[in-house]
N, C-alpha and C. Protein backbone atom coordinates (compact mmCIF):
# COMPACT_ATOMS: atom_id res chain seq x y z
N UNK A 1 -33.87 -22.49 -10.82
CA UNK A 1 -32.74 -22.06 -10.22
C UNK A 1 -31.83 -22.95 -9.35
N UNK A 2 -32.58 -23.94 -8.60
CA UNK A 2 -31.94 -24.95 -7.92
C UNK A 2 -31.26 -25.94 -8.68
N UNK A 3 -31.87 -26.22 -10.01
CA UNK A 3 -31.32 -27.14 -10.95
C UNK A 3 -29.77 -26.36 -11.30
N UNK A 4 -29.64 -25.17 -11.60
CA UNK A 4 -28.52 -24.35 -12.02
C UNK A 4 -27.69 -24.26 -11.10
N UNK A 5 -27.93 -23.94 -9.42
CA UNK A 5 -27.00 -23.97 -8.50
C UNK A 5 -26.37 -25.57 -8.43
N UNK A 6 -27.35 -26.69 -8.45
CA UNK A 6 -26.65 -27.91 -8.56
C UNK A 6 -25.95 -28.09 -9.72
N UNK A 7 -26.06 -27.74 -10.70
CA UNK A 7 -25.22 -27.67 -12.11
C UNK A 7 -23.77 -27.24 -11.91
N UNK A 8 -23.73 -26.04 -11.01
CA UNK A 8 -22.45 -25.49 -10.54
C UNK A 8 -22.11 -26.08 -9.58
N UNK A 9 -22.48 -26.99 -8.86
CA UNK A 9 -21.90 -28.00 -7.83
C UNK A 9 -22.28 -27.09 -6.70
N UNK A 10 -23.24 -26.22 -6.39
CA UNK A 10 -23.53 -25.31 -5.20
C UNK A 10 -25.18 -26.17 -4.81
N UNK A 11 -25.14 -26.67 -3.51
CA UNK A 11 -26.46 -26.94 -3.18
C UNK A 11 -26.99 -25.91 -2.27
N UNK A 12 -28.31 -25.55 -2.71
CA UNK A 12 -29.02 -24.68 -1.92
C UNK A 12 -29.58 -24.86 -0.70
N UNK A 13 -30.15 -26.53 -0.53
CA UNK A 13 -30.88 -27.14 0.26
C UNK A 13 -30.17 -27.19 1.63
N UNK A 14 -30.49 -27.34 2.94
CA UNK A 14 -30.04 -27.43 4.01
C UNK A 14 -28.93 -26.57 4.34
N UNK A 15 -28.34 -25.53 3.69
CA UNK A 15 -27.55 -24.92 3.92
C UNK A 15 -25.82 -25.67 3.47
N UNK A 16 -25.87 -26.65 2.47
CA UNK A 16 -24.82 -27.56 2.21
C UNK A 16 -24.17 -27.01 0.81
N UNK A 17 -22.91 -27.33 0.43
CA UNK A 17 -22.73 -26.94 -0.72
C UNK A 17 -21.19 -26.24 -0.72
N UNK A 18 -20.27 -25.79 -2.05
CA UNK A 18 -19.39 -25.38 -1.69
C UNK A 18 -18.79 -24.20 -1.05
N UNK A 19 -20.10 -23.09 -0.81
CA UNK A 19 -19.78 -22.16 -0.18
C UNK A 19 -21.09 -21.59 0.79
N UNK A 20 -21.29 -22.51 1.57
CA UNK A 20 -22.49 -22.27 2.07
C UNK A 20 -22.55 -21.40 3.47
N UNK A 21 -21.43 -20.92 3.94
CA UNK A 21 -21.17 -19.94 4.76
C UNK A 21 -20.73 -20.06 5.94
N UNK A 22 -20.98 -19.21 6.76
CA UNK A 22 -20.13 -19.44 8.23
C UNK A 22 -20.84 -19.96 9.29
N UNK A 23 -20.23 -20.98 9.87
CA UNK A 23 -21.20 -21.79 10.94
C UNK A 23 -20.88 -21.18 12.13
N UNK A 24 -21.61 -20.55 12.74
CA UNK A 24 -21.42 -19.45 14.20
C UNK A 24 -20.93 -20.33 15.10
N UNK A 25 -21.79 -21.28 15.19
CA UNK A 25 -21.83 -22.66 16.40
C UNK A 25 -19.99 -22.97 16.50
N UNK A 26 -19.61 -23.46 15.30
CA UNK A 26 -18.22 -23.74 15.28
C UNK A 26 -16.81 -23.10 15.20
N UNK A 27 -17.53 -21.67 14.65
CA UNK A 27 -16.23 -20.78 14.42
C UNK A 27 -15.41 -20.55 15.70
N UNK A 28 -15.87 -20.40 17.00
CA UNK A 28 -14.96 -20.28 18.08
C UNK A 28 -13.99 -21.71 18.21
N UNK A 29 -14.29 -22.78 17.95
CA UNK A 29 -13.71 -23.97 18.25
C UNK A 29 -12.36 -24.08 17.27
N UNK A 30 -13.05 -23.59 15.96
CA UNK A 30 -12.31 -23.51 14.61
C UNK A 30 -11.04 -22.74 15.04
N UNK A 31 -11.40 -21.56 15.48
CA UNK A 31 -10.42 -20.53 15.75
C UNK A 31 -9.48 -20.87 16.73
N UNK A 32 -9.91 -21.53 17.81
CA UNK A 32 -8.78 -22.18 18.93
C UNK A 32 -8.10 -23.10 18.02
N UNK A 33 -8.57 -23.83 17.34
CA UNK A 33 -7.56 -24.89 16.49
C UNK A 33 -6.84 -24.25 15.47
N UNK A 34 -7.08 -23.40 14.64
CA UNK A 34 -6.32 -22.43 14.05
C UNK A 34 -5.26 -21.84 14.74
N UNK A 35 -5.45 -21.31 15.97
CA UNK A 35 -4.54 -20.90 16.50
C UNK A 35 -3.54 -21.58 17.07
N UNK A 36 -3.98 -22.57 17.77
CA UNK A 36 -2.89 -23.77 18.24
C UNK A 36 -2.36 -24.59 16.95
N UNK A 37 -2.81 -24.69 16.06
CA UNK A 37 -2.05 -25.38 14.86
C UNK A 37 -0.99 -24.51 14.27
N UNK A 38 -1.37 -23.23 13.94
CA UNK A 38 -0.48 -22.37 13.30
C UNK A 38 0.52 -22.06 14.37
N UNK A 39 0.32 -21.77 15.64
CA UNK A 39 1.66 -21.65 16.66
C UNK A 39 2.61 -22.73 16.74
N UNK A 40 2.12 -23.95 16.88
CA UNK A 40 2.85 -25.16 16.64
C UNK A 40 3.80 -25.37 15.27
N UNK A 41 2.84 -25.40 14.30
CA UNK A 41 3.67 -25.17 12.88
C UNK A 41 4.81 -24.05 12.73
N UNK A 42 4.17 -23.10 13.36
CA UNK A 42 5.51 -22.00 13.29
C UNK A 42 6.52 -22.20 14.22
N UNK A 43 6.44 -22.72 15.40
CA UNK A 43 7.18 -23.10 16.19
C UNK A 43 8.23 -24.10 15.66
N UNK A 44 7.57 -25.00 14.92
CA UNK A 44 8.51 -26.21 14.29
C UNK A 44 9.61 -25.18 13.24
N UNK A 45 9.09 -24.33 12.38
CA UNK A 45 9.47 -23.89 11.60
C UNK A 45 10.67 -22.90 12.09
N UNK A 46 10.31 -22.08 13.44
CA UNK A 46 11.19 -21.36 13.98
C UNK A 46 12.33 -22.00 14.71
N UNK A 47 12.16 -23.23 14.96
CA UNK A 47 13.32 -24.39 15.65
C UNK A 47 14.30 -24.93 14.58
N UNK A 48 13.65 -25.28 13.42
CA UNK A 48 14.31 -25.55 12.33
C UNK A 48 15.23 -24.23 11.78
N UNK A 49 14.86 -23.28 11.68
CA UNK A 49 15.32 -22.06 11.12
C UNK A 49 16.53 -21.57 11.99
N UNK A 50 16.32 -21.69 13.38
CA UNK A 50 16.98 -21.00 14.23
C UNK A 50 18.19 -22.11 14.43
N UNK A 51 18.05 -23.32 14.44
CA UNK A 51 19.06 -24.45 14.42
C UNK A 51 20.04 -24.34 13.25
N UNK A 52 19.49 -24.25 11.86
CA UNK A 52 20.20 -23.92 11.00
C UNK A 52 20.98 -22.55 10.94
N UNK A 53 20.74 -21.83 11.97
CA UNK A 53 21.40 -20.39 11.70
C UNK A 53 20.81 -19.28 10.73
N UNK A 54 19.65 -19.61 10.52
CA UNK A 54 19.08 -18.78 9.75
C UNK A 54 18.39 -17.57 10.37
N UNK A 55 18.15 -17.85 11.48
CA UNK A 55 17.62 -16.84 12.64
C UNK A 55 18.59 -16.34 13.58
N UNK A 56 19.34 -15.31 13.39
CA UNK A 56 20.59 -15.08 14.61
C UNK A 56 19.84 -14.73 15.90
N UNK A 57 20.55 -15.28 17.13
CA UNK A 57 20.03 -14.85 18.30
C UNK A 57 20.05 -13.19 18.81
N UNK A 58 20.92 -12.65 18.04
CA UNK A 58 21.38 -11.39 18.47
C UNK A 58 20.43 -10.38 17.53
N UNK A 59 19.82 -10.89 16.30
CA UNK A 59 18.95 -10.16 15.45
C UNK A 59 17.82 -9.52 16.07
N UNK A 60 17.56 -8.08 16.32
CA UNK A 60 16.43 -7.50 16.97
C UNK A 60 15.52 -7.34 15.93
N UNK A 61 14.29 -7.39 16.61
CA UNK A 61 13.00 -7.25 15.37
C UNK A 61 11.88 -6.11 16.49
N UNK A 62 11.17 -5.32 15.77
CA UNK A 62 10.22 -4.56 16.49
C UNK A 62 9.33 -5.16 17.53
N UNK A 63 9.53 -4.87 18.67
CA UNK A 63 8.29 -5.63 19.80
C UNK A 63 7.50 -4.43 20.35
N UNK A 64 6.81 -5.06 21.26
CA UNK A 64 5.78 -3.96 22.04
C UNK A 64 6.80 -3.18 22.73
N UNK A 65 7.85 -3.74 23.51
CA UNK A 65 8.52 -2.51 24.31
C UNK A 65 9.76 -2.18 23.57
N UNK A 66 9.93 -1.96 22.25
CA UNK A 66 11.03 -1.53 21.55
C UNK A 66 11.40 -2.65 20.72
N UNK A 67 12.58 -3.26 20.80
CA UNK A 67 13.30 -4.06 20.08
C UNK A 67 13.47 -5.29 20.66
N UNK A 68 13.70 -6.52 20.07
CA UNK A 68 13.72 -7.75 21.00
C UNK A 68 13.93 -8.88 20.01
N UNK A 69 15.06 -9.99 20.67
CA UNK A 69 15.26 -10.95 19.70
C UNK A 69 14.10 -11.79 19.36
N UNK A 70 13.98 -12.39 18.31
CA UNK A 70 12.72 -13.25 18.16
C UNK A 70 12.91 -14.64 19.07
N UNK A 71 11.70 -14.71 19.68
CA UNK A 71 11.71 -16.00 20.65
C UNK A 71 10.55 -17.12 20.31
N UNK A 72 10.64 -18.18 20.86
CA UNK A 72 9.33 -18.94 19.93
C UNK A 72 8.06 -18.50 20.69
N UNK A 73 8.07 -17.69 21.85
CA UNK A 73 6.79 -17.21 22.51
C UNK A 73 6.37 -16.12 21.64
N UNK A 74 7.27 -15.26 21.00
CA UNK A 74 7.16 -14.33 20.12
C UNK A 74 6.22 -14.96 18.88
N UNK A 75 6.78 -15.91 18.20
CA UNK A 75 6.26 -16.66 17.36
C UNK A 75 5.08 -17.06 17.41
N UNK A 76 4.74 -17.59 18.67
CA UNK A 76 3.42 -18.31 18.92
C UNK A 76 2.39 -17.34 19.16
N UNK A 77 2.85 -16.04 20.02
CA UNK A 77 2.01 -15.38 20.19
C UNK A 77 1.33 -14.27 18.90
N UNK A 78 2.50 -14.15 17.86
CA UNK A 78 2.01 -13.47 16.57
C UNK A 78 0.65 -14.65 15.97
N UNK A 79 1.28 -15.71 16.04
CA UNK A 79 0.36 -16.59 15.35
C UNK A 79 -0.98 -16.88 15.98
N UNK A 80 -1.09 -16.56 17.10
CA UNK A 80 -2.42 -16.52 17.90
C UNK A 80 -3.40 -15.30 17.29
N UNK A 81 -2.34 -14.31 17.32
CA UNK A 81 -2.90 -13.07 16.99
C UNK A 81 -3.40 -13.01 15.77
N UNK A 82 -2.59 -13.80 14.38
CA UNK A 82 -3.29 -13.92 13.29
C UNK A 82 -4.60 -14.75 13.16
N UNK A 83 -4.43 -15.73 14.09
CA UNK A 83 -5.69 -16.35 13.70
C UNK A 83 -6.89 -15.68 14.41
N UNK A 84 -6.84 -14.99 15.51
CA UNK A 84 -7.94 -14.22 15.78
C UNK A 84 -8.48 -13.25 15.11
N UNK A 85 -7.36 -12.52 14.49
CA UNK A 85 -7.75 -11.57 13.49
C UNK A 85 -8.54 -12.21 12.29
N UNK A 86 -7.83 -13.42 11.52
CA UNK A 86 -8.23 -14.02 10.48
C UNK A 86 -10.13 -14.49 10.98
N UNK A 87 -10.42 -14.67 12.27
CA UNK A 87 -11.58 -15.01 12.63
C UNK A 87 -12.36 -13.86 12.47
N UNK A 88 -11.99 -12.81 13.10
CA UNK A 88 -13.03 -11.59 13.05
C UNK A 88 -13.07 -11.60 11.71
N UNK A 89 -12.17 -11.33 10.85
CA UNK A 89 -12.50 -11.03 9.10
C UNK A 89 -13.26 -11.75 8.79
N UNK A 90 -13.33 -13.15 8.91
CA UNK A 90 -13.98 -14.21 8.36
C UNK A 90 -15.70 -14.15 8.94
N UNK A 91 -15.50 -13.67 10.06
CA UNK A 91 -16.86 -13.51 11.17
C UNK A 91 -17.69 -12.05 10.24
N UNK A 92 -16.93 -11.12 9.95
CA UNK A 92 -17.35 -9.96 9.25
C UNK A 92 -17.84 -10.38 8.06
N UNK A 93 -16.98 -10.74 7.25
CA UNK A 93 -17.39 -11.44 5.65
C UNK A 93 -18.56 -12.13 5.74
N UNK A 94 -18.81 -13.36 6.84
CA UNK A 94 -19.88 -14.00 6.95
C UNK A 94 -21.23 -13.24 6.83
N UNK A 95 -21.09 -12.26 7.76
CA UNK A 95 -22.33 -11.23 7.96
C UNK A 95 -22.68 -10.83 6.76
N UNK A 96 -21.99 -10.60 5.55
CA UNK A 96 -22.43 -9.61 4.63
C UNK A 96 -22.21 -10.10 2.99
N UNK A 97 -21.21 -10.91 3.10
CA UNK A 97 -21.14 -11.80 1.80
C UNK A 97 -21.92 -13.07 1.50
N UNK A 98 -22.31 -12.78 0.19
CA UNK A 98 -22.92 -14.35 -0.40
C UNK A 98 -22.23 -15.30 -0.35
N UNK A 99 -21.07 -15.15 -0.77
CA UNK A 99 -20.20 -16.42 -0.77
C UNK A 99 -18.90 -16.15 0.16
N UNK A 100 -19.33 -16.40 1.54
CA UNK A 100 -17.95 -15.80 2.39
C UNK A 100 -16.83 -16.66 2.53
N UNK A 101 -16.82 -17.83 1.96
CA UNK A 101 -15.59 -18.71 2.13
C UNK A 101 -14.85 -18.34 1.03
N UNK A 102 -15.27 -18.08 -0.30
CA UNK A 102 -14.42 -17.80 -1.33
C UNK A 102 -14.01 -16.29 -1.08
N UNK A 103 -14.95 -15.37 -0.37
CA UNK A 103 -14.51 -13.81 -0.03
C UNK A 103 -13.33 -13.81 0.96
N UNK A 104 -13.67 -14.85 1.82
CA UNK A 104 -12.48 -14.56 2.88
C UNK A 104 -11.17 -15.23 2.27
N UNK A 105 -11.29 -16.32 1.35
CA UNK A 105 -10.24 -16.69 0.75
C UNK A 105 -9.37 -15.49 -0.19
N UNK A 106 -10.10 -14.77 -0.85
CA UNK A 106 -9.65 -13.82 -1.43
C UNK A 106 -8.87 -12.69 -0.71
N UNK A 107 -9.83 -12.39 0.48
CA UNK A 107 -8.94 -11.29 1.28
C UNK A 107 -7.83 -11.74 2.01
N UNK A 108 -7.98 -13.10 2.51
CA UNK A 108 -6.67 -13.75 2.96
C UNK A 108 -5.20 -13.72 2.34
N UNK A 109 -5.52 -13.81 0.98
CA UNK A 109 -4.56 -13.70 0.05
C UNK A 109 -3.95 -12.20 -0.08
N UNK A 110 -4.82 -11.23 -0.05
CA UNK A 110 -4.24 -10.14 0.21
C UNK A 110 -3.57 -9.73 1.57
N UNK A 111 -4.13 -10.36 2.30
CA UNK A 111 -3.65 -10.03 3.73
C UNK A 111 -2.25 -10.89 3.70
N UNK A 112 -1.98 -12.10 3.09
CA UNK A 112 -0.55 -12.47 3.05
C UNK A 112 0.36 -11.90 2.44
N UNK A 113 -0.21 -11.03 1.36
CA UNK A 113 0.51 -10.38 0.49
C UNK A 113 1.37 -9.05 1.01
N UNK A 114 0.33 -8.60 1.94
CA UNK A 114 0.81 -7.18 3.04
C UNK A 114 1.63 -7.80 3.71
N UNK A 115 1.45 -8.77 4.40
CA UNK A 115 2.19 -9.56 5.67
C UNK A 115 3.59 -9.73 5.18
N UNK A 116 3.65 -10.39 4.05
CA UNK A 116 4.88 -10.68 3.29
C UNK A 116 6.22 -9.60 3.44
N UNK A 117 5.59 -8.11 3.40
CA UNK A 117 6.33 -6.96 3.07
C UNK A 117 7.15 -7.00 4.32
N UNK A 118 6.43 -7.25 5.58
CA UNK A 118 6.75 -6.73 7.08
C UNK A 118 8.21 -7.23 7.14
N UNK A 119 8.79 -8.53 6.92
CA UNK A 119 10.06 -8.77 7.43
C UNK A 119 11.07 -7.93 6.51
N UNK A 120 10.65 -7.45 5.45
CA UNK A 120 11.42 -6.86 4.50
C UNK A 120 11.96 -5.38 5.14
N UNK A 121 11.08 -5.05 6.02
CA UNK A 121 11.30 -3.84 6.58
C UNK A 121 12.19 -3.76 7.95
N UNK A 122 12.64 -5.04 8.27
CA UNK A 122 13.39 -5.07 9.56
C UNK A 122 14.79 -4.80 9.26
N UNK A 123 15.52 -3.70 9.81
CA UNK A 123 16.88 -3.37 9.36
C UNK A 123 18.04 -3.99 9.77
N UNK A 124 19.07 -4.43 8.86
CA UNK A 124 20.27 -4.87 9.11
C UNK A 124 20.02 -6.52 9.62
N UNK A 125 19.15 -7.31 9.02
CA UNK A 125 19.02 -8.73 9.36
C UNK A 125 19.27 -9.43 7.70
N UNK A 126 19.75 -10.66 8.25
CA UNK A 126 20.24 -11.44 6.61
C UNK A 126 19.09 -11.84 5.97
N UNK A 127 19.14 -12.24 4.80
CA UNK A 127 18.36 -12.33 3.92
C UNK A 127 17.41 -13.87 4.24
N UNK A 128 18.60 -14.80 4.88
CA UNK A 128 18.11 -16.07 5.35
C UNK A 128 16.95 -15.82 6.47
N UNK A 129 17.15 -14.66 7.31
CA UNK A 129 15.88 -14.33 8.09
C UNK A 129 14.64 -13.74 7.90
N UNK A 130 15.18 -13.32 6.80
CA UNK A 130 13.87 -12.50 6.16
C UNK A 130 13.19 -13.62 5.49
N UNK A 131 13.91 -14.73 4.91
CA UNK A 131 13.27 -16.01 4.33
C UNK A 131 12.32 -16.66 5.61
N UNK A 132 12.96 -16.93 6.22
CA UNK A 132 12.71 -17.64 7.61
C UNK A 132 11.00 -16.91 8.20
N UNK A 133 11.16 -15.97 8.41
CA UNK A 133 10.04 -15.18 8.70
C UNK A 133 8.83 -15.07 7.76
N UNK A 134 9.34 -14.83 6.53
CA UNK A 134 8.11 -15.01 5.24
C UNK A 134 7.72 -16.54 5.29
N UNK A 135 8.52 -17.84 5.65
CA UNK A 135 7.97 -18.94 5.60
C UNK A 135 7.03 -18.92 6.65
N UNK A 136 7.36 -18.48 7.74
CA UNK A 136 6.17 -18.62 8.73
C UNK A 136 4.98 -17.84 8.47
N UNK A 137 4.86 -16.74 7.82
CA UNK A 137 3.50 -15.89 7.30
C UNK A 137 2.98 -16.96 6.47
N UNK A 138 3.66 -17.73 5.67
CA UNK A 138 2.97 -18.37 4.83
C UNK A 138 2.55 -19.51 5.21
N UNK A 139 3.05 -20.40 6.39
CA UNK A 139 2.71 -21.42 7.15
C UNK A 139 1.48 -20.84 7.73
N UNK A 140 1.55 -20.03 8.69
CA UNK A 140 0.52 -19.51 9.43
C UNK A 140 -0.68 -19.22 8.66
N UNK A 141 -0.47 -18.48 7.62
CA UNK A 141 -1.82 -18.32 6.51
C UNK A 141 -2.37 -19.74 5.79
N UNK A 142 -1.64 -20.50 5.64
CA UNK A 142 -2.27 -21.96 4.96
C UNK A 142 -2.95 -22.72 6.17
N UNK A 143 -2.31 -22.75 7.23
CA UNK A 143 -2.92 -23.36 8.56
C UNK A 143 -4.35 -22.76 8.74
N UNK A 144 -4.12 -21.15 9.02
CA UNK A 144 -5.23 -20.75 9.43
C UNK A 144 -6.64 -20.76 8.70
N UNK A 145 -6.14 -20.22 7.50
CA UNK A 145 -7.17 -20.35 6.04
C UNK A 145 -7.84 -21.50 6.12
N UNK A 146 -6.83 -22.77 6.01
CA UNK A 146 -7.28 -23.95 6.02
C UNK A 146 -8.38 -24.26 6.84
N UNK A 147 -7.98 -24.12 8.30
CA UNK A 147 -8.87 -24.88 9.28
C UNK A 147 -10.06 -23.99 9.32
N UNK A 148 -9.85 -22.31 9.16
CA UNK A 148 -11.16 -21.78 9.62
C UNK A 148 -12.34 -22.02 8.09
N UNK A 149 -11.81 -22.17 7.19
CA UNK A 149 -12.85 -22.27 6.05
C UNK A 149 -12.86 -24.02 5.92
N UNK A 150 -12.52 -24.73 6.89
CA UNK A 150 -13.18 -26.19 6.78
C UNK A 150 -14.01 -26.28 8.17
N UNK A 151 -13.23 -26.04 8.93
CA UNK A 151 -14.11 -26.48 10.35
C UNK A 151 -15.35 -25.34 10.96
N UNK A 152 -15.03 -24.15 10.20
CA UNK A 152 -16.17 -23.23 10.52
C UNK A 152 -17.06 -23.06 9.15
N UNK A 153 -17.25 -23.90 8.50
CA UNK A 153 -18.29 -23.56 7.15
C UNK A 153 -19.32 -24.40 7.51
N UNK A 154 -20.55 -23.88 7.36
CA UNK A 154 -21.62 -24.30 7.40
C UNK A 154 -21.66 -25.62 6.44
N UNK A 155 -22.51 -26.75 6.93
CA UNK A 155 -22.78 -27.84 5.69
C UNK A 155 -22.83 -29.10 6.44
N UNK A 156 -22.70 -30.11 6.10
CA UNK A 156 -22.46 -31.49 6.47
C UNK A 156 -21.74 -31.29 7.69
N UNK A 157 -22.21 -32.40 8.87
CA UNK A 157 -21.17 -32.03 9.86
C UNK A 157 -20.04 -33.10 9.39
N UNK A 158 -18.79 -32.67 10.24
CA UNK A 158 -17.77 -33.42 10.05
C UNK A 158 -17.36 -34.37 11.16
């Protein structure tokens, strides 16, 4: 059995391998790193898109208290919320799945697909704004999934 696992590139000894599981000790730090990195990356996208006129200052989007213009604070808060939600999903998957990293990546692609529909539901905004918001969703997804599945994975110390 061990030889068969090694032939597939998965080592079972000492918890190392391509999909060894979730490191519960490193998950909190990885979550903070993912939240900060996604917020920073999306702030850059926001400022570039806003500066280019793709996100009009007078365009309103659904917010907690009704409707509001998109701000860098809103972008950062949404990125942090996405990272926290992804970490919770990763943790739950880590409790039950045999290959949690692989399963989380699959689930995250499904979540990304659903999230890409959200900007399409904002009434009366230009297509450039929708494309910019969808770019932010993709950036957050890539950063968050990349960091969580790298830093919070069991195995060799990085």
